[in-house]
Amino acid sequence: MSYEPPIHWSDHEDIAMALYEKFGDDFTESKIYRIRFTELLDWILSLPNFEGTREQATEGHLEQIQAAWVYEWRDNQD
């Protein structure tokens, strides 16, 4: 079993990769941008090695994670 380092709020790309791994192509670019932040927050908090708290979340973090998730999805469309 490999050790997964903890993910924190500032690890936008790592969070985006984990969300892409979890949801795959269920969410296209337009769907990702339509996700409510309350839902996105719950999904991030449920990631196995995520160590941030709800109180530490900012709109800026969520926006950057959303954008990184879109880039991650785009990278996997080849």
Protein backbone atom coordinates (compact mmCIF):
# COMPACT_ATOMS: atom_id res chain seq x y z
CA MET A 1 0.00 0.00 0.00
CA SER A 2 1.44 3.36 -0.97
CA TYR A 3 1.51 6.28 1.42
CA GLU A 4 -0.62 9.19 0.30
CA PRO A 5 0.61 12.50 1.72
CA PRO A 6 -2.05 14.69 3.27
CA ILE A 7 -3.77 17.23 1.04
CA HIS A 8 -4.45 20.76 2.30
CA TRP A 9 -6.51 23.68 0.97
CA SER A 10 -3.52 25.21 -0.83
CA ASP A 11 -2.95 22.00 -2.85
CA HIS A 12 -5.39 23.00 -5.58
CA GLU A 13 -3.96 20.69 -8.27
CA ASP A 14 -3.86 17.68 -5.93
CA ILE A 15 -7.47 18.26 -4.92
CA ALA A 16 -8.47 18.66 -8.57
CA MET A 17 -6.73 15.39 -9.49
CA ALA A 18 -8.46 13.58 -6.64
CA LEU A 19 -11.85 14.94 -7.73
CA TYR A 20 -11.18 13.89 -11.32
CA GLU A 21 -10.16 10.41 -10.13
CA LYS A 22 -13.35 10.21 -8.07
CA PHE A 23 -15.78 11.46 -10.73
CA GLY A 24 -13.92 10.82 -14.00
CA ASP A 25 -15.74 12.14 -17.04
CA ASP A 26 -19.12 12.40 -15.27
CA PHE A 27 -18.39 16.11 -15.03
CA THR A 28 -17.57 17.98 -18.22
CA GLU A 29 -16.10 21.48 -18.20
CA SER A 30 -19.50 23.19 -18.16
CA LYS A 31 -20.80 20.88 -15.42
CA ILE A 32 -17.74 21.50 -13.25
CA TYR A 33 -18.32 25.25 -13.47
CA ARG A 34 -21.97 24.79 -12.47
CA ILE A 35 -21.23 22.85 -9.27
CA ARG A 36 -22.43 24.73 -6.19
CA PHE A 37 -19.62 25.59 -3.79
CA THR A 38 -21.52 23.89 -0.95
CA GLU A 39 -21.43 20.61 -2.88
CA LEU A 40 -17.83 21.07 -3.94
CA LEU A 41 -16.87 21.74 -0.34
CA ASP A 42 -18.53 18.51 0.85
CA TRP A 43 -16.77 16.47 -1.84
CA ILE A 44 -13.38 17.95 -0.99
CA LEU A 45 -13.87 17.30 2.73
CA SER A 46 -14.75 13.67 1.95
CA LEU A 47 -11.50 12.99 0.04
CA PRO A 48 -9.57 10.25 1.88
CA ASN A 49 -6.32 12.13 2.61
CA PHE A 50 -7.70 15.66 2.80
CA GLU A 51 -6.75 17.36 6.08
CA GLY A 52 -8.32 20.80 5.80
CA THR A 53 -11.45 21.87 7.62
CA ARG A 54 -14.68 23.49 6.47
CA GLU A 55 -13.76 26.62 8.44
CA GLN A 56 -10.50 27.04 6.50
CA ALA A 57 -12.27 27.01 3.11
CA THR A 58 -12.39 30.26 1.18
CA GLU A 59 -14.19 31.17 -2.01
CA GLY A 60 -10.77 31.75 -3.56
CA HIS A 61 -9.68 28.18 -2.78
CA LEU A 62 -12.89 26.78 -4.22
CA GLU A 63 -12.61 28.87 -7.41
CA GLN A 64 -9.01 27.78 -7.95
CA ILE A 65 -9.87 24.13 -7.29
CA GLN A 66 -12.75 24.36 -9.76
CA ALA A 67 -10.44 25.83 -12.44
CA ALA A 68 -7.76 23.20 -11.74
CA TRP A 69 -10.40 20.46 -12.04
CA VAL A 70 -11.38 21.81 -15.48
CA TYR A 71 -7.73 21.74 -16.59
CA GLU A 72 -7.40 18.20 -15.23
CA TRP A 73 -10.51 17.13 -17.17
CA ARG A 74 -9.21 18.80 -20.36
CA ASP A 75 -5.84 17.04 -20.00
CA ASN A 76 -7.63 13.69 -19.94
CA GLN A 77 -9.72 14.25 -23.08
CA ASP A 78 -7.04 13.26 -25.61
